[in-house]
Amino acid sequence: MPKAPASPATPALPASYEAALEELEQLVGRLESGQMPLDQLLGGYQRGAALLKFCRDRLETVENQIKVLDDGVLKPWTQA
């Protein structure tokens, strides 16, 4: 009975929003440059989608915390 091929290890998500955003920006630059080999494009796209979801989730978490601090109302950002 043939063995199933081992799936490649999924890279861990970054420790912070800033690290995820930096990695995502670098990845987009490589994808847009046309320098990435075809066999790596799908993996790059999948990694980018995971990083984007991570960033969106972090932003949503912070937004929800701000709503709690502001009695359930998300107030507009004003620089004073």
PDB file of N, CA and C in Angstrom:
ATOM      1  N   MET A   1       0.845  -1.166   0.000  1.00  0.00           N
ATOM      2  CA  MET A   1       0.000   0.000   0.000  1.00  0.00           C
ATOM      3  C   MET A   1       0.894   1.233   0.000  1.00  0.00           C
ATOM      4  N   PRO A   2       0.728   2.175  -0.963  1.00  0.00           N
ATOM      5  CA  PRO A   2       1.592   3.345  -1.018  1.00  0.00           C
ATOM      6  C   PRO A   2       1.295   4.305   0.121  1.00  0.00           C
ATOM      7  N   LYS A   3       2.340   4.935   0.567  1.00  0.00           N
ATOM      8  CA  LYS A   3       2.192   5.925   1.629  1.00  0.00           C
ATOM      9  C   LYS A   3       1.762   7.256   1.022  1.00  0.00           C
ATOM     10  N   ALA A   4       0.968   7.988   1.782  1.00  0.00           N
ATOM     11  CA  ALA A   4       0.561   9.325   1.339  1.00  0.00           C
ATOM     12  C   ALA A   4       1.767  10.246   1.452  1.00  0.00           C
ATOM     13  N   PRO A   5       1.943  11.162   0.505  1.00  0.00           N
ATOM     14  CA  PRO A   5       3.068  12.080   0.605  1.00  0.00           C
ATOM     15  C   PRO A   5       2.933  12.954   1.832  1.00  0.00           C
ATOM     16  N   ALA A   6       4.043  13.223   2.436  1.00  0.00           N
ATOM     17  CA  ALA A   6       4.044  14.076   3.621  1.00  0.00           C
ATOM     18  C   ALA A   6       3.692  15.494   3.204  1.00  0.00           C
ATOM     19  N   SER A   7       2.781  16.112   3.930  1.00  0.00           N
ATOM     20  CA  SER A   7       2.413  17.484   3.609  1.00  0.00           C
ATOM     21  C   SER A   7       3.486  18.429   4.122  1.00  0.00           C
ATOM     22  N   PRO A   8       3.767  19.504   3.374  1.00  0.00           N
ATOM     23  CA  PRO A   8       4.780  20.436   3.822  1.00  0.00           C
ATOM     24  C   PRO A   8       4.340  21.116   5.102  1.00  0.00           C
ATOM     25  N   ALA A   9       5.290  21.412   5.942  1.00  0.00           N
ATOM     26  CA  ALA A   9       4.992  22.060   7.210  1.00  0.00           C
ATOM     27  C   ALA A   9       4.455  23.465   6.943  1.00  0.00           C
ATOM     28  N   THR A  10       3.368  23.804   7.612  1.00  0.00           N
ATOM     29  CA  THR A  10       2.802  25.136   7.483  1.00  0.00           C
ATOM     30  C   THR A  10       3.595  26.074   8.375  1.00  0.00           C
ATOM     31  N   PRO A  11       4.094  27.197   7.809  1.00  0.00           N
ATOM     32  CA  PRO A  11       4.842  28.135   8.633  1.00  0.00           C
ATOM     33  C   PRO A  11       3.960  28.702   9.741  1.00  0.00           C
ATOM     34  N   ALA A  12       4.552  28.895  10.882  1.00  0.00           N
ATOM     35  CA  ALA A  12       3.818  29.447  12.014  1.00  0.00           C
ATOM     36  C   ALA A  12       3.433  30.889  11.722  1.00  0.00           C
ATOM     37  N   LEU A  13       2.329  31.315  12.315  1.00  0.00           N
ATOM     38  CA  LEU A  13       1.920  32.704  12.152  1.00  0.00           C
ATOM     39  C   LEU A  13       2.838  33.591  12.986  1.00  0.00           C
ATOM     40  N   PRO A  14       3.048  34.808  12.550  1.00  0.00           N
ATOM     41  CA  PRO A  14       3.932  35.732  13.281  1.00  0.00           C
ATOM     42  C   PRO A  14       3.401  36.033  14.681  1.00  0.00           C
ATOM     43  N   ALA A  15       4.285  36.537  15.493  1.00  0.00           N
ATOM     44  CA  ALA A  15       3.931  36.833  16.879  1.00  0.00           C
ATOM     45  C   ALA A  15       3.138  38.125  17.019  1.00  0.00           C
ATOM     46  N   SER A  16       3.205  39.003  16.015  1.00  0.00           N
ATOM     47  CA  SER A  16       2.530  40.288  16.142  1.00  0.00           C
ATOM     48  C   SER A  16       1.922  40.717  14.815  1.00  0.00           C
ATOM     49  N   TYR A  17       1.026  41.677  14.907  1.00  0.00           N
ATOM     50  CA  TYR A  17       0.408  42.257  13.713  1.00  0.00           C
ATOM     51  C   TYR A  17       1.472  42.891  12.822  1.00  0.00           C
ATOM     52  N   GLU A  18       2.398  43.598  13.437  1.00  0.00           N
ATOM     53  CA  GLU A  18       3.431  44.296  12.686  1.00  0.00           C
ATOM     54  C   GLU A  18       4.322  43.313  11.914  1.00  0.00           C
ATOM     55  N   ALA A  19       4.661  42.197  12.549  1.00  0.00           N
ATOM     56  CA  ALA A  19       5.491  41.189  11.884  1.00  0.00           C
ATOM     57  C   ALA A  19       4.733  40.555  10.727  1.00  0.00           C
ATOM     58  N   ALA A  20       3.441  40.300  10.920  1.00  0.00           N
ATOM     59  CA  ALA A  20       2.622  39.720   9.851  1.00  0.00           C
ATOM     60  C   ALA A  20       2.509  40.684   8.685  1.00  0.00           C
ATOM     61  N   LEU A  21       2.305  41.958   8.981  1.00  0.00           N
ATOM     62  CA  LEU A  21       2.176  42.963   7.934  1.00  0.00           C
ATOM     63  C   LEU A  21       3.480  43.104   7.152  1.00  0.00           C
ATOM     64  N   GLU A  22       4.591  43.096   7.845  1.00  0.00           N
ATOM     65  CA  GLU A  22       5.893  43.192   7.177  1.00  0.00           C
ATOM     66  C   GLU A  22       6.130  41.992   6.256  1.00  0.00           C
ATOM     67  N   GLU A  23       5.838  40.791   6.757  1.00  0.00           N
ATOM     68  CA  GLU A  23       6.009  39.597   5.934  1.00  0.00           C
ATOM     69  C   GLU A  23       5.074  39.627   4.727  1.00  0.00           C
ATOM     70  N   LEU A  24       3.843  40.076   4.945  1.00  0.00           N
ATOM     71  CA  LEU A  24       2.871  40.159   3.860  1.00  0.00           C
ATOM     72  C   LEU A  24       3.335  41.149   2.792  1.00  0.00           C
ATOM     73  N   GLU A  25       3.857  42.292   3.201  1.00  0.00           N
ATOM     74  CA  GLU A  25       4.362  43.284   2.244  1.00  0.00           C
ATOM     75  C   GLU A  25       5.517  42.722   1.425  1.00  0.00           C
ATOM     76  N   GLN A  26       6.423  42.001   2.068  1.00  0.00           N
ATOM     77  CA  GLN A  26       7.548  41.400   1.352  1.00  0.00           C
ATOM     78  C   GLN A  26       7.065  40.332   0.375  1.00  0.00           C
ATOM     79  N   LEU A  27       6.108  39.545   0.801  1.00  0.00           N
ATOM     80  CA  LEU A  27       5.568  38.478  -0.044  1.00  0.00           C
ATOM     81  C   LEU A  27       4.866  39.066  -1.267  1.00  0.00           C
ATOM     82  N   VAL A  28       4.073  40.098  -1.060  1.00  0.00           N
ATOM     83  CA  VAL A  28       3.390  40.743  -2.182  1.00  0.00           C
ATOM     84  C   VAL A  28       4.408  41.313  -3.158  1.00  0.00           C
ATOM     85  N   GLY A  29       5.473  41.897  -2.644  1.00  0.00           N
ATOM     86  CA  GLY A  29       6.527  42.421  -3.514  1.00  0.00           C
ATOM     87  C   GLY A  29       7.145  41.329  -4.376  1.00  0.00           C
ATOM     88  N   ARG A  30       7.396  40.167  -3.775  1.00  0.00           N
ATOM     89  CA  ARG A  30       7.973  39.050  -4.546  1.00  0.00           C
ATOM     90  C   ARG A  30       6.983  38.523  -5.576  1.00  0.00           C
ATOM     91  N   LEU A  31       5.707  38.432  -5.179  1.00  0.00           N
ATOM     92  CA  LEU A  31       4.687  37.944  -6.112  1.00  0.00           C
ATOM     93  C   LEU A  31       4.532  38.911  -7.289  1.00  0.00           C
ATOM     94  N   GLU A  32       4.504  40.202  -7.001  1.00  0.00           N
ATOM     95  CA  GLU A  32       4.314  41.204  -8.051  1.00  0.00           C
ATOM     96  C   GLU A  32       5.530  41.359  -8.946  1.00  0.00           C
ATOM     97  N   SER A  33       6.692  41.031  -8.437  1.00  0.00           N
ATOM     98  CA  SER A  33       7.915  41.217  -9.223  1.00  0.00           C
ATOM     99  C   SER A  33       8.032  40.226 -10.368  1.00  0.00           C
ATOM    100  N   GLY A  34       7.306  39.132 -10.270  1.00  0.00           N
ATOM    101  CA  GLY A  34       7.410  38.104 -11.293  1.00  0.00           C
ATOM    102  C   GLY A  34       8.659  37.257 -11.142  1.00  0.00           C
ATOM    103  N   GLN A  35       9.366  37.393 -10.052  1.00  0.00           N
ATOM    104  CA  GLN A  35      10.612  36.677  -9.808  1.00  0.00           C
ATOM    105  C   GLN A  35      10.391  35.327  -9.126  1.00  0.00           C
ATOM    106  N   MET A  36       9.192  35.101  -8.616  1.00  0.00           N
ATOM    107  CA  MET A  36       8.927  33.866  -7.880  1.00  0.00           C
ATOM    108  C   MET A  36       8.654  32.745  -8.887  1.00  0.00           C
ATOM    109  N   PRO A  37       9.312  31.608  -8.732  1.00  0.00           N
ATOM    110  CA  PRO A  37       9.063  30.478  -9.639  1.00  0.00           C
ATOM    111  C   PRO A  37       7.605  30.031  -9.580  1.00  0.00           C
ATOM    112  N   LEU A  38       7.124  29.536 -10.697  1.00  0.00           N
ATOM    113  CA  LEU A  38       5.724  29.145 -10.823  1.00  0.00           C
ATOM    114  C   LEU A  38       5.308  28.143  -9.752  1.00  0.00           C
ATOM    115  N   ASP A  39       6.178  27.191  -9.435  1.00  0.00           N
ATOM    116  CA  ASP A  39       5.802  26.171  -8.453  1.00  0.00           C
ATOM    117  C   ASP A  39       5.691  26.733  -7.031  1.00  0.00           C
ATOM    118  N   GLN A  40       6.187  27.939  -6.802  1.00  0.00           N
ATOM    119  CA  GLN A  40       6.094  28.557  -5.481  1.00  0.00           C
ATOM    120  C   GLN A  40       4.956  29.573  -5.388  1.00  0.00           C
ATOM    121  N   LEU A  41       4.346  29.920  -6.519  1.00  0.00           N
ATOM    122  CA  LEU A  41       3.299  30.941  -6.517  1.00  0.00           C
ATOM    123  C   LEU A  41       2.089  30.552  -5.672  1.00  0.00           C
ATOM    124  N   LEU A  42       1.631  29.324  -5.815  1.00  0.00           N
ATOM    125  CA  LEU A  42       0.461  28.894  -5.049  1.00  0.00           C
ATOM    126  C   LEU A  42       0.748  28.934  -3.551  1.00  0.00           C
ATOM    127  N   GLY A  43       1.904  28.445  -3.160  1.00  0.00           N
ATOM    128  CA  GLY A  43       2.272  28.489  -1.744  1.00  0.00           C
ATOM    129  C   GLY A  43       2.374  29.922  -1.240  1.00  0.00           C
ATOM    130  N   GLY A  44       2.914  30.811  -2.070  1.00  0.00           N
ATOM    131  CA  GLY A  44       3.008  32.215  -1.693  1.00  0.00           C
ATOM    132  C   GLY A  44       1.639  32.848  -1.530  1.00  0.00           C
ATOM    133  N   TYR A  45       0.751  32.507  -2.448  1.00  0.00           N
ATOM    134  CA  TYR A  45      -0.616  33.028  -2.364  1.00  0.00           C
ATOM    135  C   TYR A  45      -1.300  32.525  -1.091  1.00  0.00           C
ATOM    136  N   GLN A  46      -1.139  31.236  -0.792  1.00  0.00           N
ATOM    137  CA  GLN A  46      -1.771  30.659   0.400  1.00  0.00           C
ATOM    138  C   GLN A  46      -1.208  31.289   1.673  1.00  0.00           C
ATOM    139  N   ARG A  47       0.106  31.504   1.698  1.00  0.00           N
ATOM    140  CA  ARG A  47       0.723  32.146   2.868  1.00  0.00           C
ATOM    141  C   ARG A  47       0.202  33.579   3.018  1.00  0.00           C
ATOM    142  N   GLY A  48       0.091  34.270   1.896  1.00  0.00           N
ATOM    143  CA  GLY A  48      -0.429  35.629   1.935  1.00  0.00           C
ATOM    144  C   GLY A  48      -1.854  35.680   2.456  1.00  0.00           C
ATOM    145  N   ALA A  49      -2.684  34.735   2.035  1.00  0.00           N
ATOM    146  CA  ALA A  49      -4.069  34.679   2.513  1.00  0.00           C
ATOM    147  C   ALA A  49      -4.102  34.422   4.020  1.00  0.00           C
ATOM    148  N   ALA A  50      -3.227  33.559   4.507  1.00  0.00           N
ATOM    149  CA  ALA A  50      -3.177  33.275   5.949  1.00  0.00           C
ATOM    150  C   ALA A  50      -2.718  34.511   6.726  1.00  0.00           C
ATOM    151  N   LEU A  51      -1.733  35.225   6.190  1.00  0.00           N
ATOM    152  CA  LEU A  51      -1.247  36.440   6.854  1.00  0.00           C
ATOM    153  C   LEU A  51      -2.321  37.524   6.858  1.00  0.00           C
ATOM    154  N   LEU A  52      -3.035  37.654   5.754  1.00  0.00           N
ATOM    155  CA  LEU A  52      -4.103  38.645   5.672  1.00  0.00           C
ATOM    156  C   LEU A  52      -5.201  38.338   6.688  1.00  0.00           C
ATOM    157  N   LYS A  53      -5.570  37.068   6.801  1.00  0.00           N
ATOM    158  CA  LYS A  53      -6.583  36.677   7.789  1.00  0.00           C
ATOM    159  C   LYS A  53      -6.092  36.972   9.209  1.00  0.00           C
ATOM    160  N   PHE A  54      -4.818  36.681   9.477  1.00  0.00           N
ATOM    161  CA  PHE A  54      -4.237  36.961  10.790  1.00  0.00           C
ATOM    162  C   PHE A  54      -4.354  38.447  11.108  1.00  0.00           C
ATOM    163  N   CYS A  55      -3.987  39.312  10.138  1.00  0.00           N
ATOM    164  CA  CYS A  55      -4.035  40.759  10.352  1.00  0.00           C
ATOM    165  C   CYS A  55      -5.467  41.232  10.578  1.00  0.00           C
ATOM    166  N   ARG A  56      -6.380  40.750   9.764  1.00  0.00           N
ATOM    167  CA  ARG A  56      -7.787  41.148   9.922  1.00  0.00           C
ATOM    168  C   ARG A  56      -8.341  40.705  11.276  1.00  0.00           C
ATOM    169  N   ASP A  57      -8.008  39.501  11.689  1.00  0.00           N
ATOM    170  CA  ASP A  57      -8.477  39.005  12.986  1.00  0.00           C
ATOM    171  C   ASP A  57      -7.929  39.851  14.126  1.00  0.00           C
ATOM    172  N   ARG A  58      -6.640  40.214  14.031  1.00  0.00           N
ATOM    173  CA  ARG A  58      -6.046  41.054  15.081  1.00  0.00           C
ATOM    174  C   ARG A  58      -6.727  42.417  15.141  1.00  0.00           C
ATOM    175  N   LEU A  59      -6.971  43.027  13.974  1.00  0.00           N
ATOM    176  CA  LEU A  59      -7.636  44.329  13.939  1.00  0.00           C
ATOM    177  C   LEU A  59      -9.049  44.243  14.506  1.00  0.00           C
ATOM    178  N   GLU A  60      -9.760  43.180  14.178  1.00  0.00           N
ATOM    179  CA  GLU A  60     -11.111  42.999  14.694  1.00  0.00           C
ATOM    180  C   GLU A  60     -11.097  42.832  16.212  1.00  0.00           C
ATOM    181  N   THR A  61     -10.117  42.111  16.733  1.00  0.00           N
ATOM    182  CA  THR A  61     -10.002  41.929  18.179  1.00  0.00           C
ATOM    183  C   THR A  61      -9.780  43.262  18.879  1.00  0.00           C
ATOM    184  N   VAL A  62      -8.886  44.069  18.320  1.00  0.00           N
ATOM    185  CA  VAL A  62      -8.605  45.379  18.921  1.00  0.00           C
ATOM    186  C   VAL A  62      -9.840  46.273  18.833  1.00  0.00           C
ATOM    187  N   GLU A  63     -10.516  46.245  17.684  1.00  0.00           N
ATOM    188  CA  GLU A  63     -11.733  47.044  17.526  1.00  0.00           C
ATOM    189  C   GLU A  63     -12.782  46.647  18.560  1.00  0.00           C
ATOM    190  N   ASN A  64     -12.941  45.360  18.797  1.00  0.00           N
ATOM    191  CA  ASN A  64     -13.912  44.895  19.795  1.00  0.00           C
ATOM    192  C   ASN A  64     -13.517  45.331  21.199  1.00  0.00           C
ATOM    193  N   GLN A  65     -12.236  45.345  21.495  1.00  0.00           N
ATOM    194  CA  GLN A  65     -11.779  45.805  22.811  1.00  0.00           C
ATOM    195  C   GLN A  65     -12.053  47.296  22.982  1.00  0.00           C
ATOM    196  N   ILE A  66     -11.879  48.052  21.900  1.00  0.00           N
ATOM    197  CA  ILE A  66     -12.150  49.494  21.961  1.00  0.00           C
ATOM    198  C   ILE A  66     -13.637  49.735  22.182  1.00  0.00           C
ATOM    199  N   LYS A  67     -14.494  48.936  21.521  1.00  0.00           N
ATOM    200  CA  LYS A  67     -15.940  49.072  21.724  1.00  0.00           C
ATOM    201  C   LYS A  67     -16.300  48.848  23.197  1.00  0.00           C
ATOM    202  N   VAL A  68     -15.671  47.877  23.824  1.00  0.00           N
ATOM    203  CA  VAL A  68     -15.943  47.599  25.232  1.00  0.00           C
ATOM    204  C   VAL A  68     -15.515  48.797  26.082  1.00  0.00           C
ATOM    205  N   LEU A  69     -14.354  49.349  25.778  1.00  0.00           N
ATOM    206  CA  LEU A  69     -13.863  50.489  26.544  1.00  0.00           C
ATOM    207  C   LEU A  69     -14.717  51.735  26.333  1.00  0.00           C
ATOM    208  N   ASP A  70     -15.354  51.839  25.161  1.00  0.00           N
ATOM    209  CA  ASP A  70     -16.185  53.003  24.847  1.00  0.00           C
ATOM    210  C   ASP A  70     -17.678  52.701  25.007  1.00  0.00           C
ATOM    211  N   ASP A  71     -18.021  51.811  25.912  1.00  0.00           N
ATOM    212  CA  ASP A  71     -19.417  51.450  26.210  1.00  0.00           C
ATOM    213  C   ASP A  71     -20.183  50.979  24.983  1.00  0.00           C
ATOM    214  N   GLY A  72     -19.559  50.134  24.181  1.00  0.00           N
ATOM    215  CA  GLY A  72     -20.247  49.517  23.068  1.00  0.00           C
ATOM    216  C   GLY A  72     -20.348  50.351  21.810  1.00  0.00           C
ATOM    217  N   VAL A  73     -19.767  51.536  21.801  1.00  0.00           N
ATOM    218  CA  VAL A  73     -19.836  52.407  20.633  1.00  0.00           C
ATOM    219  C   VAL A  73     -18.433  52.634  20.104  1.00  0.00           C
ATOM    220  N   LEU A  74     -18.223  52.337  18.834  1.00  0.00           N
ATOM    221  CA  LEU A  74     -16.927  52.596  18.218  1.00  0.00           C
ATOM    222  C   LEU A  74     -16.922  54.058  17.776  1.00  0.00           C
ATOM    223  N   LYS A  75     -16.115  54.869  18.412  1.00  0.00           N
ATOM    224  CA  LYS A  75     -16.077  56.295  18.134  1.00  0.00           C
ATOM    225  C   LYS A  75     -15.078  56.582  17.007  1.00  0.00           C
ATOM    226  N   PRO A  76     -15.329  57.615  16.229  1.00  0.00           N
ATOM    227  CA  PRO A  76     -14.387  57.955  15.150  1.00  0.00           C
ATOM    228  C   PRO A  76     -13.036  58.391  15.719  1.00  0.00           C
ATOM    229  N   TRP A  77     -11.998  58.103  14.937  1.00  0.00           N
ATOM    230  CA  TRP A  77     -10.642  58.465  15.335  1.00  0.00           C
ATOM    231  C   TRP A  77     -10.437  59.950  15.124  1.00  0.00           C
ATOM    232  N   THR A  78     -10.000  60.634  16.158  1.00  0.00           N
ATOM    233  CA  THR A  78      -9.658  62.058  16.027  1.00  0.00           C
ATOM    234  C   THR A  78      -8.298  62.263  16.655  1.00  0.00           C
ATOM    235  N   GLN A  79      -7.466  62.979  15.958  1.00  0.00           N
ATOM    236  CA  GLN A  79      -6.149  63.307  16.504  1.00  0.00           C
ATOM    237  C   GLN A  79      -6.239  64.674  17.154  1.00  0.00           C
ATOM    238  N   ALA A  80      -5.955  64.710  18.438  1.00  0.00           N
ATOM    239  CA  ALA A  80      -6.059  65.971  19.172  1.00  0.00           C
ATOM    240  C   ALA A  80      -4.699  66.568  19.393  1.00  0.00           C
TER     241      ALA A  80
END
